[in-house]
Amino acid sequence: MDRRTLLGAMLAAPLVPLAPALVRPAAAQTDFDVPFVTTPQNVVDAMLELGGVGPDDTLIDLGSGDGRIVLTAAKRWGTKGVGYEIDPRLVSNAQRAARREGVDHLARFVVEDIFVADLSAATVITMYLLPDVNLRLLPRLRRLRPGTRLVSHDWDMGDWAPQRTIEVDAPEKRVGFRKTSRLMLWTV
């Protein structure tokens, strides 16, 4: 072992017991049920159209990420919306985008776990989650007010068959091998 390697090891040795404390905060910030994956804008547009979103709706986006679904609905139709997202950094970015785009009076973003978030005001709910997360949410979604529309990107609700399913070209899609997105609609 040369002198530099030995010196580096001697200097680093006292820090080894601190490693778990240094790593834990970073891991806690990224331990989410669903990773953030951007929904291509043309898919956002198709989701909102499939859900029949309009100015009288209240949209809730579960796992809102960068906020683009709520922001698009607010800009295009004047729809009030709430994005629930567990990552504070993404919520902060979405709030800034709402102010920048002049729709912060319509679009709200909240740091909240989607499993405890208040969904009662929703007339439309959008989501791009994972299959197991959809299934965990299913009992709550089925108890929503009759007439509430649910739109899911790529993942179904198990045995609850959608009313309508469409395929959308998604050349900008960053995950999977297919460059299409499957969108599904349910009405409670």
N, C-alpha and C. Protein backbone atom coordinates (compact mmCIF):
# COMPACT_ATOMS: atom_id res chain seq x y z
N MET A 1 0.85 -1.17 0.00
CA MET A 1 0.00 0.00 0.00
C MET A 1 0.90 1.23 0.00
N ASP A 2 0.65 2.17 -0.91
CA ASP A 2 1.49 3.36 -0.94
C ASP A 2 1.08 4.34 0.16
N ARG A 3 1.89 5.37 0.37
CA ARG A 3 1.66 6.32 1.46
C ARG A 3 0.34 7.07 1.33
N ARG A 4 -0.01 7.50 0.10
CA ARG A 4 -1.26 8.26 -0.09
C ARG A 4 -2.48 7.43 0.28
N THR A 5 -2.49 6.18 -0.15
CA THR A 5 -3.62 5.30 0.15
C THR A 5 -3.72 5.08 1.65
N LEU A 6 -2.59 4.84 2.30
CA LEU A 6 -2.57 4.64 3.75
C LEU A 6 -3.04 5.89 4.48
N LEU A 7 -2.57 7.05 4.07
CA LEU A 7 -2.97 8.31 4.69
C LEU A 7 -4.47 8.54 4.50
N GLY A 8 -4.98 8.28 3.31
CA GLY A 8 -6.42 8.44 3.04
C GLY A 8 -7.25 7.52 3.91
N ALA A 9 -6.82 6.28 4.06
CA ALA A 9 -7.55 5.32 4.89
C ALA A 9 -7.54 5.76 6.35
N MET A 10 -6.41 6.27 6.83
CA MET A 10 -6.32 6.72 8.22
C MET A 10 -7.21 7.93 8.46
N LEU A 11 -7.30 8.83 7.51
CA LEU A 11 -8.15 10.01 7.66
C LEU A 11 -9.63 9.66 7.57
N ALA A 12 -9.97 8.67 6.76
CA ALA A 12 -11.37 8.29 6.57
C ALA A 12 -11.89 7.39 7.67
N ALA A 13 -11.03 6.64 8.32
CA ALA A 13 -11.47 5.66 9.32
C ALA A 13 -12.36 6.26 10.41
N PRO A 14 -12.05 7.42 10.97
CA PRO A 14 -12.92 7.97 12.01
C PRO A 14 -14.33 8.34 11.50
N LEU A 15 -14.50 8.50 10.20
CA LEU A 15 -15.79 8.88 9.64
C LEU A 15 -16.72 7.70 9.40
N VAL A 16 -16.19 6.47 9.41
CA VAL A 16 -17.00 5.28 9.12
C VAL A 16 -18.23 5.18 10.02
N PRO A 17 -18.12 5.39 11.35
CA PRO A 17 -19.33 5.30 12.18
C PRO A 17 -20.40 6.33 11.83
N LEU A 18 -20.01 7.42 11.20
CA LEU A 18 -20.97 8.46 10.82
C LEU A 18 -21.70 8.17 9.52
N ALA A 19 -21.24 7.21 8.75
CA ALA A 19 -21.80 6.94 7.42
C ALA A 19 -23.31 6.72 7.43
N PRO A 20 -23.87 5.89 8.33
CA PRO A 20 -25.33 5.69 8.31
C PRO A 20 -26.10 7.00 8.50
N ALA A 21 -25.62 7.85 9.39
CA ALA A 21 -26.32 9.12 9.63
C ALA A 21 -26.24 10.04 8.42
N LEU A 22 -25.14 9.95 7.68
CA LEU A 22 -24.99 10.79 6.50
C LEU A 22 -25.84 10.28 5.34
N VAL A 23 -26.01 8.98 5.24
CA VAL A 23 -26.76 8.38 4.13
C VAL A 23 -28.26 8.39 4.39
N ARG A 24 -28.69 8.21 5.63
CA ARG A 24 -30.10 8.07 5.96
C ARG A 24 -30.97 9.24 5.47
N PRO A 25 -30.58 10.52 5.66
CA PRO A 25 -31.45 11.60 5.18
C PRO A 25 -31.67 11.56 3.67
N ALA A 26 -30.65 11.24 2.92
CA ALA A 26 -30.81 11.18 1.46
C ALA A 26 -31.73 10.04 1.08
N ALA A 27 -31.60 8.90 1.73
CA ALA A 27 -32.46 7.76 1.42
C ALA A 27 -33.90 8.06 1.80
N ALA A 28 -34.11 8.73 2.93
CA ALA A 28 -35.47 9.05 3.37
C ALA A 28 -36.16 9.95 2.37
N GLN A 29 -35.41 10.82 1.72
CA GLN A 29 -36.01 11.74 0.77
C GLN A 29 -36.38 11.05 -0.54
N THR A 30 -35.84 9.89 -0.80
CA THR A 30 -36.12 9.24 -2.08
C THR A 30 -36.87 7.92 -1.92
N ASP A 31 -37.34 7.61 -0.72
CA ASP A 31 -38.05 6.36 -0.47
C ASP A 31 -39.54 6.54 -0.75
N PHE A 32 -39.89 6.64 -2.02
CA PHE A 32 -41.26 6.89 -2.43
C PHE A 32 -41.84 5.63 -3.05
N ASP A 33 -43.18 5.51 -3.01
CA ASP A 33 -43.85 4.36 -3.61
C ASP A 33 -43.73 4.36 -5.13
N VAL A 34 -43.65 5.56 -5.71
CA VAL A 34 -43.62 5.70 -7.16
C VAL A 34 -42.52 6.70 -7.52
N PRO A 35 -41.62 6.35 -8.43
CA PRO A 35 -40.60 7.32 -8.84
C PRO A 35 -41.23 8.40 -9.72
N PHE A 36 -40.63 9.57 -9.73
CA PHE A 36 -41.12 10.64 -10.60
C PHE A 36 -40.71 10.34 -12.03
N VAL A 37 -41.70 10.22 -12.89
CA VAL A 37 -41.49 10.04 -14.32
C VAL A 37 -42.40 11.04 -15.02
N THR A 38 -41.83 11.87 -15.85
CA THR A 38 -42.59 12.90 -16.55
C THR A 38 -43.58 12.29 -17.53
N THR A 39 -44.80 12.79 -17.52
CA THR A 39 -45.80 12.41 -18.51
C THR A 39 -45.63 13.34 -19.71
N PRO A 40 -45.42 12.80 -20.91
CA PRO A 40 -45.29 13.67 -22.09
C PRO A 40 -46.52 14.56 -22.25
N GLN A 41 -46.32 15.78 -22.73
CA GLN A 41 -47.42 16.75 -22.81
C GLN A 41 -48.58 16.26 -23.66
N ASN A 42 -48.31 15.57 -24.76
CA ASN A 42 -49.43 15.09 -25.57
C ASN A 42 -50.25 14.04 -24.83
N VAL A 43 -49.61 13.30 -23.91
CA VAL A 43 -50.33 12.33 -23.09
C VAL A 43 -51.14 13.06 -22.02
N VAL A 44 -50.59 14.12 -21.45
CA VAL A 44 -51.34 14.96 -20.50
C VAL A 44 -52.62 15.44 -21.17
N ASP A 45 -52.48 16.00 -22.38
CA ASP A 45 -53.64 16.51 -23.11
C ASP A 45 -54.69 15.42 -23.32
N ALA A 46 -54.23 14.24 -23.71
CA ALA A 46 -55.16 13.13 -23.96
C ALA A 46 -55.83 12.66 -22.67
N MET A 47 -55.09 12.66 -21.55
CA MET A 47 -55.69 12.27 -20.27
C MET A 47 -56.81 13.23 -19.87
N LEU A 48 -56.55 14.51 -20.03
CA LEU A 48 -57.55 15.51 -19.64
C LEU A 48 -58.77 15.45 -20.56
N GLU A 49 -58.54 15.21 -21.84
CA GLU A 49 -59.66 15.07 -22.78
C GLU A 49 -60.46 13.80 -22.48
N LEU A 50 -59.77 12.69 -22.20
CA LEU A 50 -60.46 11.45 -21.87
C LEU A 50 -61.31 11.62 -20.62
N GLY A 51 -60.81 12.37 -19.65
CA GLY A 51 -61.55 12.63 -18.42
C GLY A 51 -62.64 13.67 -18.56
N GLY A 52 -62.74 14.28 -19.74
CA GLY A 52 -63.77 15.29 -19.97
C GLY A 52 -63.62 16.51 -19.07
N VAL A 53 -62.39 16.89 -18.77
CA VAL A 53 -62.13 18.00 -17.85
C VAL A 53 -62.64 19.31 -18.44
N GLY A 54 -63.28 20.11 -17.58
CA GLY A 54 -63.80 21.40 -18.00
C GLY A 54 -63.70 22.42 -16.87
N PRO A 55 -64.23 23.61 -17.10
CA PRO A 55 -64.09 24.69 -16.12
C PRO A 55 -64.85 24.46 -14.82
N ASP A 56 -65.84 23.59 -14.82
CA ASP A 56 -66.62 23.34 -13.60
C ASP A 56 -66.08 22.18 -12.78
N ASP A 57 -65.01 21.57 -13.23
CA ASP A 57 -64.44 20.42 -12.52
C ASP A 57 -63.46 20.84 -11.44
N THR A 58 -63.24 19.92 -10.52
CA THR A 58 -62.14 20.01 -9.56
C THR A 58 -61.27 18.79 -9.82
N LEU A 59 -60.08 19.05 -10.29
CA LEU A 59 -59.13 18.00 -10.67
C LEU A 59 -58.18 17.73 -9.51
N ILE A 60 -57.96 16.47 -9.22
CA ILE A 60 -56.91 16.08 -8.28
C ILE A 60 -55.97 15.15 -9.02
N ASP A 61 -54.67 15.48 -8.98
CA ASP A 61 -53.65 14.64 -9.60
C ASP A 61 -52.86 13.98 -8.48
N LEU A 62 -52.88 12.66 -8.46
CA LEU A 62 -52.19 11.89 -7.42
C LEU A 62 -50.77 11.60 -7.87
N GLY A 63 -49.80 12.08 -7.09
CA GLY A 63 -48.40 11.97 -7.49
C GLY A 63 -48.13 12.97 -8.60
N SER A 64 -48.38 14.24 -8.30
CA SER A 64 -48.41 15.28 -9.35
C SER A 64 -47.06 15.65 -9.94
N GLY A 65 -45.97 15.20 -9.36
CA GLY A 65 -44.66 15.45 -9.96
C GLY A 65 -44.41 16.92 -10.23
N ASP A 66 -44.14 17.25 -11.49
CA ASP A 66 -43.84 18.64 -11.85
C ASP A 66 -45.10 19.49 -12.01
N GLY A 67 -46.27 18.90 -11.83
CA GLY A 67 -47.52 19.67 -11.84
C GLY A 67 -48.15 19.87 -13.19
N ARG A 68 -47.59 19.30 -14.24
CA ARG A 68 -48.05 19.63 -15.59
C ARG A 68 -49.51 19.28 -15.86
N ILE A 69 -50.07 18.26 -15.22
CA ILE A 69 -51.47 17.92 -15.47
C ILE A 69 -52.38 19.00 -14.90
N VAL A 70 -52.16 19.37 -13.64
CA VAL A 70 -52.97 20.42 -13.01
C VAL A 70 -52.77 21.75 -13.72
N LEU A 71 -51.53 22.07 -14.07
CA LEU A 71 -51.23 23.34 -14.75
C LEU A 71 -51.91 23.40 -16.12
N THR A 72 -51.86 22.32 -16.86
CA THR A 72 -52.49 22.30 -18.19
C THR A 72 -53.99 22.50 -18.08
N ALA A 73 -54.63 21.82 -17.14
CA ALA A 73 -56.08 21.97 -16.96
C ALA A 73 -56.44 23.39 -16.56
N ALA A 74 -55.64 23.99 -15.70
CA ALA A 74 -55.89 25.37 -15.27
C ALA A 74 -55.74 26.35 -16.43
N LYS A 75 -54.68 26.18 -17.22
CA LYS A 75 -54.44 27.10 -18.34
C LYS A 75 -55.46 26.92 -19.45
N ARG A 76 -55.79 25.69 -19.78
CA ARG A 76 -56.63 25.42 -20.93
C ARG A 76 -58.12 25.63 -20.66
N TRP A 77 -58.59 25.21 -19.47
CA TRP A 77 -60.04 25.26 -19.21
C TRP A 77 -60.41 26.09 -17.99
N GLY A 78 -59.42 26.63 -17.29
CA GLY A 78 -59.73 27.35 -16.06
C GLY A 78 -60.17 26.41 -14.95
N THR A 79 -59.72 25.18 -15.01
CA THR A 79 -60.10 24.16 -14.03
C THR A 79 -59.32 24.35 -12.73
N LYS A 80 -60.04 24.27 -11.61
CA LYS A 80 -59.37 24.28 -10.31
C LYS A 80 -58.77 22.90 -10.09
N GLY A 81 -57.57 22.88 -9.55
CA GLY A 81 -56.93 21.59 -9.34
C GLY A 81 -55.97 21.58 -8.17
N VAL A 82 -55.77 20.39 -7.65
CA VAL A 82 -54.81 20.16 -6.57
C VAL A 82 -53.91 19.01 -6.98
N GLY A 83 -52.63 19.21 -6.84
CA GLY A 83 -51.67 18.14 -7.06
C GLY A 83 -51.11 17.69 -5.73
N TYR A 84 -51.29 16.41 -5.42
CA TYR A 84 -50.71 15.83 -4.21
C TYR A 84 -49.43 15.11 -4.60
N GLU A 85 -48.35 15.47 -3.92
CA GLU A 85 -47.03 14.94 -4.24
C GLU A 85 -46.27 14.82 -2.93
N ILE A 86 -45.56 13.73 -2.73
CA ILE A 86 -44.83 13.52 -1.48
C ILE A 86 -43.44 14.17 -1.48
N ASP A 87 -42.93 14.52 -2.64
CA ASP A 87 -41.58 15.09 -2.75
C ASP A 87 -41.67 16.62 -2.65
N PRO A 88 -41.20 17.21 -1.54
CA PRO A 88 -41.30 18.66 -1.35
C PRO A 88 -40.63 19.47 -2.45
N ARG A 89 -39.55 18.94 -2.99
CA ARG A 89 -38.83 19.65 -4.06
C ARG A 89 -39.72 19.80 -5.30
N LEU A 90 -40.41 18.72 -5.67
CA LEU A 90 -41.30 18.78 -6.83
C LEU A 90 -42.48 19.71 -6.57
N VAL A 91 -43.01 19.69 -5.35
CA VAL A 91 -44.12 20.58 -5.00
C VAL A 91 -43.67 22.03 -5.12
N SER A 92 -42.51 22.35 -4.61
CA SER A 92 -41.98 23.71 -4.70
C SER A 92 -41.83 24.15 -6.16
N ASN A 93 -41.30 23.27 -6.99
CA ASN A 93 -41.15 23.58 -8.42
C ASN A 93 -42.50 23.81 -9.08
N ALA A 94 -43.49 22.98 -8.76
CA ALA A 94 -44.82 23.11 -9.35
C ALA A 94 -45.49 24.41 -8.90
N GLN A 95 -45.31 24.78 -7.63
CA GLN A 95 -45.87 26.03 -7.13
C GLN A 95 -45.26 27.23 -7.86
N ARG A 96 -43.96 27.18 -8.08
CA ARG A 96 -43.29 28.26 -8.83
C ARG A 96 -43.83 28.33 -10.26
N ALA A 97 -44.02 27.16 -10.87
CA ALA A 97 -44.55 27.13 -12.25
C ALA A 97 -45.95 27.71 -12.30
N ALA A 98 -46.78 27.43 -11.30
CA ALA A 98 -48.15 27.97 -11.27
C ALA A 98 -48.11 29.49 -11.18
N ARG A 99 -47.22 30.04 -10.35
CA ARG A 99 -47.09 31.50 -10.26
C ARG A 99 -46.58 32.08 -11.58
N ARG A 100 -45.55 31.45 -12.13
CA ARG A 100 -44.95 31.92 -13.38
C ARG A 100 -45.97 31.93 -14.52
N GLU A 101 -46.85 30.92 -14.55
CA GLU A 101 -47.83 30.79 -15.63
C GLU A 101 -49.15 31.49 -15.32
N GLY A 102 -49.22 32.16 -14.17
CA GLY A 102 -50.39 32.95 -13.83
C GLY A 102 -51.63 32.15 -13.48
N VAL A 103 -51.45 30.92 -12.99
CA VAL A 103 -52.62 30.10 -12.63
C VAL A 103 -52.58 29.66 -11.17
N ASP A 104 -51.80 30.36 -10.35
CA ASP A 104 -51.69 29.96 -8.95
C ASP A 104 -53.00 30.16 -8.18
N HIS A 105 -53.95 30.92 -8.73
CA HIS A 105 -55.27 31.04 -8.10
C HIS A 105 -56.14 29.82 -8.39
N LEU A 106 -55.74 29.01 -9.37
CA LEU A 106 -56.47 27.79 -9.74
C LEU A 106 -55.74 26.51 -9.35
N ALA A 107 -54.43 26.53 -9.43
CA ALA A 107 -53.62 25.32 -9.25
C ALA A 107 -52.89 25.36 -7.91
N ARG A 108 -53.16 24.37 -7.08
CA ARG A 108 -52.48 24.24 -5.78
C ARG A 108 -51.69 22.94 -5.77
N PHE A 109 -50.57 22.97 -5.08
CA PHE A 109 -49.73 21.78 -4.95
C PHE A 109 -49.40 21.60 -3.48
N VAL A 110 -49.60 20.38 -3.00
CA VAL A 110 -49.50 20.09 -1.58
C VAL A 110 -48.58 18.89 -1.35
N VAL A 111 -47.69 19.03 -0.38
CA VAL A 111 -46.88 17.89 0.03
C VAL A 111 -47.79 17.00 0.87
N GLU A 112 -48.15 15.86 0.32
CA GLU A 112 -49.11 14.98 1.00
C GLU A 112 -48.96 13.56 0.48
N ASP A 113 -49.13 12.61 1.36
CA ASP A 113 -49.16 11.20 1.01
C ASP A 113 -50.50 10.92 0.34
N ILE A 114 -50.49 10.34 -0.84
CA ILE A 114 -51.73 10.12 -1.59
C ILE A 114 -52.68 9.16 -0.88
N PHE A 115 -52.17 8.39 0.07
CA PHE A 115 -53.03 7.43 0.78
C PHE A 115 -53.82 8.08 1.91
N VAL A 116 -53.49 9.32 2.25
CA VAL A 116 -54.25 10.04 3.28
C VAL A 116 -54.82 11.36 2.77
N ALA A 117 -54.48 11.75 1.57
CA ALA A 117 -54.94 13.02 1.00
C ALA A 117 -56.47 13.05 0.90
N ASP A 118 -57.03 14.24 1.07
CA ASP A 118 -58.48 14.43 0.96
C ASP A 118 -58.86 14.46 -0.53
N LEU A 119 -59.62 13.48 -0.95
CA LEU A 119 -60.03 13.37 -2.35
C LEU A 119 -61.49 13.75 -2.55
N SER A 120 -62.17 14.16 -1.49
CA SER A 120 -63.62 14.33 -1.53
C SER A 120 -64.10 15.41 -2.50
N ALA A 121 -63.30 16.42 -2.78
CA ALA A 121 -63.73 17.50 -3.67
C ALA A 121 -63.59 17.14 -5.15
N ALA A 122 -62.93 16.06 -5.45
CA ALA A 122 -62.60 15.72 -6.85
C ALA A 122 -63.84 15.38 -7.67
N THR A 123 -63.85 15.92 -8.88
CA THR A 123 -64.78 15.43 -9.91
C THR A 123 -63.99 14.61 -10.94
N VAL A 124 -62.68 14.87 -11.00
CA VAL A 124 -61.77 14.11 -11.87
C VAL A 124 -60.48 13.85 -11.09
N ILE A 125 -59.99 12.61 -11.17
CA ILE A 125 -58.70 12.26 -10.57
C ILE A 125 -57.83 11.67 -11.67
N THR A 126 -56.60 12.18 -11.75
CA THR A 126 -55.63 11.63 -12.70
C THR A 126 -54.49 11.00 -11.92
N MET A 127 -53.85 9.99 -12.55
CA MET A 127 -52.75 9.32 -11.87
C MET A 127 -51.85 8.61 -12.88
N TYR A 128 -50.57 8.65 -12.57
CA TYR A 128 -49.57 7.86 -13.29
C TYR A 128 -48.73 7.21 -12.20
N LEU A 129 -49.28 6.15 -11.64
CA LEU A 129 -48.67 5.48 -10.50
C LEU A 129 -48.15 4.12 -10.96
N LEU A 130 -48.12 3.16 -10.09
CA LEU A 130 -47.72 1.80 -10.43
C LEU A 130 -48.86 0.85 -10.09
N PRO A 131 -48.87 -0.35 -10.67
CA PRO A 131 -50.01 -1.26 -10.46
C PRO A 131 -50.33 -1.52 -8.99
N ASP A 132 -49.32 -1.80 -8.18
CA ASP A 132 -49.60 -2.09 -6.77
C ASP A 132 -50.14 -0.87 -6.03
N VAL A 133 -49.70 0.31 -6.42
CA VAL A 133 -50.20 1.54 -5.79
C VAL A 133 -51.66 1.76 -6.19
N ASN A 134 -51.98 1.58 -7.46
CA ASN A 134 -53.37 1.69 -7.90
C ASN A 134 -54.26 0.75 -7.10
N LEU A 135 -53.81 -0.49 -6.92
CA LEU A 135 -54.61 -1.47 -6.19
C LEU A 135 -54.77 -1.10 -4.72
N ARG A 136 -53.74 -0.52 -4.12
CA ARG A 136 -53.85 -0.06 -2.73
C ARG A 136 -54.82 1.11 -2.61
N LEU A 137 -54.89 1.94 -3.65
CA LEU A 137 -55.81 3.09 -3.64
C LEU A 137 -57.25 2.70 -3.98
N LEU A 138 -57.42 1.58 -4.63
CA LEU A 138 -58.73 1.19 -5.17
C LEU A 138 -59.88 1.29 -4.18
N PRO A 139 -59.77 0.79 -2.95
CA PRO A 139 -60.90 0.92 -2.03
C PRO A 139 -61.31 2.37 -1.78
N ARG A 140 -60.34 3.26 -1.67
CA ARG A 140 -60.65 4.70 -1.47
C ARG A 140 -61.30 5.28 -2.72
N LEU A 141 -60.80 4.92 -3.88
CA LEU A 141 -61.33 5.47 -5.12
C LEU A 141 -62.77 5.02 -5.35
N ARG A 142 -63.07 3.79 -5.02
CA ARG A 142 -64.43 3.28 -5.22
C ARG A 142 -65.45 3.94 -4.30
N ARG A 143 -64.98 4.55 -3.20
CA ARG A 143 -65.88 5.23 -2.26
C ARG A 143 -66.09 6.70 -2.60
N LEU A 144 -65.47 7.18 -3.66
CA LEU A 144 -65.65 8.58 -4.03
C LEU A 144 -67.09 8.84 -4.48
N ARG A 145 -67.42 10.11 -4.56
CA ARG A 145 -68.76 10.52 -4.97
C ARG A 145 -69.10 9.92 -6.34
N PRO A 146 -70.31 9.37 -6.49
CA PRO A 146 -70.73 8.84 -7.79
C PRO A 146 -70.59 9.91 -8.88
N GLY A 147 -70.06 9.49 -10.01
CA GLY A 147 -69.83 10.41 -11.12
C GLY A 147 -68.40 10.89 -11.22
N THR A 148 -67.60 10.68 -10.17
CA THR A 148 -66.19 11.07 -10.22
C THR A 148 -65.48 10.25 -11.29
N ARG A 149 -64.73 10.95 -12.16
CA ARG A 149 -64.00 10.28 -13.23
C ARG A 149 -62.55 10.06 -12.83
N LEU A 150 -62.06 8.87 -13.14
CA LEU A 150 -60.68 8.50 -12.84
C LEU A 150 -59.96 8.20 -14.15
N VAL A 151 -58.80 8.78 -14.33
CA VAL A 151 -58.00 8.53 -15.53
C VAL A 151 -56.62 8.06 -15.07
N SER A 152 -56.23 6.88 -15.54
CA SER A 152 -54.92 6.33 -15.19
C SER A 152 -54.07 6.19 -16.45
N HIS A 153 -52.81 6.53 -16.29
CA HIS A 153 -51.82 6.42 -17.36
C HIS A 153 -51.10 5.09 -17.19
N ASP A 154 -51.24 4.23 -18.15
CA ASP A 154 -50.55 2.93 -18.28
C ASP A 154 -51.03 1.81 -17.36
N TRP A 155 -51.48 2.08 -16.16
CA TRP A 155 -51.77 1.00 -15.22
C TRP A 155 -53.24 0.93 -14.89
N ASP A 156 -53.75 -0.31 -14.85
CA ASP A 156 -55.19 -0.52 -14.62
C ASP A 156 -55.51 -0.62 -13.13
N MET A 157 -56.74 -1.05 -12.85
CA MET A 157 -57.23 -1.17 -11.47
C MET A 157 -57.59 -2.63 -11.16
N GLY A 158 -56.78 -3.53 -11.65
CA GLY A 158 -57.03 -4.94 -11.37
C GLY A 158 -58.31 -5.42 -12.03
N ASP A 159 -59.21 -5.97 -11.22
CA ASP A 159 -60.47 -6.53 -11.74
C ASP A 159 -61.50 -5.48 -12.15
N TRP A 160 -61.29 -4.23 -11.76
CA TRP A 160 -62.25 -3.18 -12.12
C TRP A 160 -61.93 -2.73 -13.55
N ALA A 161 -62.74 -3.19 -14.48
CA ALA A 161 -62.49 -2.90 -15.90
C ALA A 161 -62.80 -1.43 -16.20
N PRO A 162 -61.94 -0.78 -16.98
CA PRO A 162 -62.21 0.60 -17.37
C PRO A 162 -63.38 0.67 -18.35
N GLN A 163 -64.06 1.82 -18.35
CA GLN A 163 -65.13 2.06 -19.32
C GLN A 163 -64.56 2.25 -20.72
N ARG A 164 -63.39 2.87 -20.74
CA ARG A 164 -62.79 3.20 -22.03
C ARG A 164 -61.27 3.14 -21.89
N THR A 165 -60.62 2.65 -22.93
CA THR A 165 -59.16 2.58 -22.98
C THR A 165 -58.72 3.11 -24.33
N ILE A 166 -57.72 3.98 -24.33
CA ILE A 166 -57.16 4.47 -25.59
C ILE A 166 -55.64 4.33 -25.55
N GLU A 167 -55.05 4.22 -26.72
CA GLU A 167 -53.59 4.22 -26.87
C GLU A 167 -53.19 5.56 -27.50
N VAL A 168 -52.15 6.16 -26.95
CA VAL A 168 -51.67 7.45 -27.43
C VAL A 168 -50.20 7.30 -27.79
N ASP A 169 -49.81 7.77 -28.97
CA ASP A 169 -48.39 7.79 -29.32
C ASP A 169 -47.66 8.67 -28.31
N ALA A 170 -46.52 8.21 -27.86
CA ALA A 170 -45.75 8.95 -26.86
C ALA A 170 -44.26 8.86 -27.18
N PRO A 171 -43.83 9.53 -28.27
CA PRO A 171 -42.43 9.43 -28.67
C PRO A 171 -41.46 9.97 -27.61
N GLU A 172 -41.94 10.83 -26.71
CA GLU A 172 -41.07 11.40 -25.67
C GLU A 172 -41.09 10.58 -24.38
N LYS A 173 -41.79 9.48 -24.36
CA LYS A 173 -41.91 8.66 -23.15
C LYS A 173 -40.53 8.14 -22.74
N ARG A 174 -40.21 8.28 -21.46
CA ARG A 174 -38.87 7.96 -20.98
C ARG A 174 -38.74 6.59 -20.34
N VAL A 175 -39.86 5.88 -20.15
CA VAL A 175 -39.78 4.56 -19.51
C VAL A 175 -40.42 3.52 -20.39
N GLY A 176 -39.95 2.29 -20.27
CA GLY A 176 -40.52 1.19 -21.03
C GLY A 176 -39.99 1.15 -22.45
N PHE A 177 -40.37 0.08 -23.13
CA PHE A 177 -39.91 -0.11 -24.51
C PHE A 177 -40.89 0.47 -25.51
N ARG A 178 -42.16 0.52 -25.13
CA ARG A 178 -43.18 1.04 -26.04
C ARG A 178 -43.13 2.57 -26.05
N LYS A 179 -43.34 3.14 -27.17
CA LYS A 179 -43.43 4.59 -27.27
C LYS A 179 -44.90 4.98 -27.45
N THR A 180 -45.75 4.26 -26.70
CA THR A 180 -47.17 4.58 -26.62
C THR A 180 -47.57 4.56 -25.15
N SER A 181 -48.66 5.23 -24.85
CA SER A 181 -49.21 5.20 -23.50
C SER A 181 -50.64 4.70 -23.58
N ARG A 182 -51.00 3.88 -22.61
CA ARG A 182 -52.37 3.38 -22.51
C ARG A 182 -53.07 4.21 -21.44
N LEU A 183 -54.19 4.82 -21.82
CA LEU A 183 -54.96 5.63 -20.89
C LEU A 183 -56.30 4.96 -20.65
N MET A 184 -56.71 4.93 -19.39
CA MET A 184 -57.96 4.26 -19.03
C MET A 184 -58.85 5.19 -18.23
N LEU A 185 -60.16 5.07 -18.46
CA LEU A 185 -61.16 5.91 -17.78
C LEU A 185 -62.14 5.02 -17.03
N TRP A 186 -62.41 5.40 -15.80
CA TRP A 186 -63.47 4.80 -14.98
C TRP A 186 -64.35 5.92 -14.46
N THR A 187 -65.61 5.63 -14.23
CA THR A 187 -66.51 6.55 -13.54
C THR A 187 -67.03 5.83 -12.31
N VAL A 188 -66.91 6.47 -11.17
CA VAL A 188 -67.36 5.88 -9.91
C VAL A 188 -68.88 5.80 -9.93
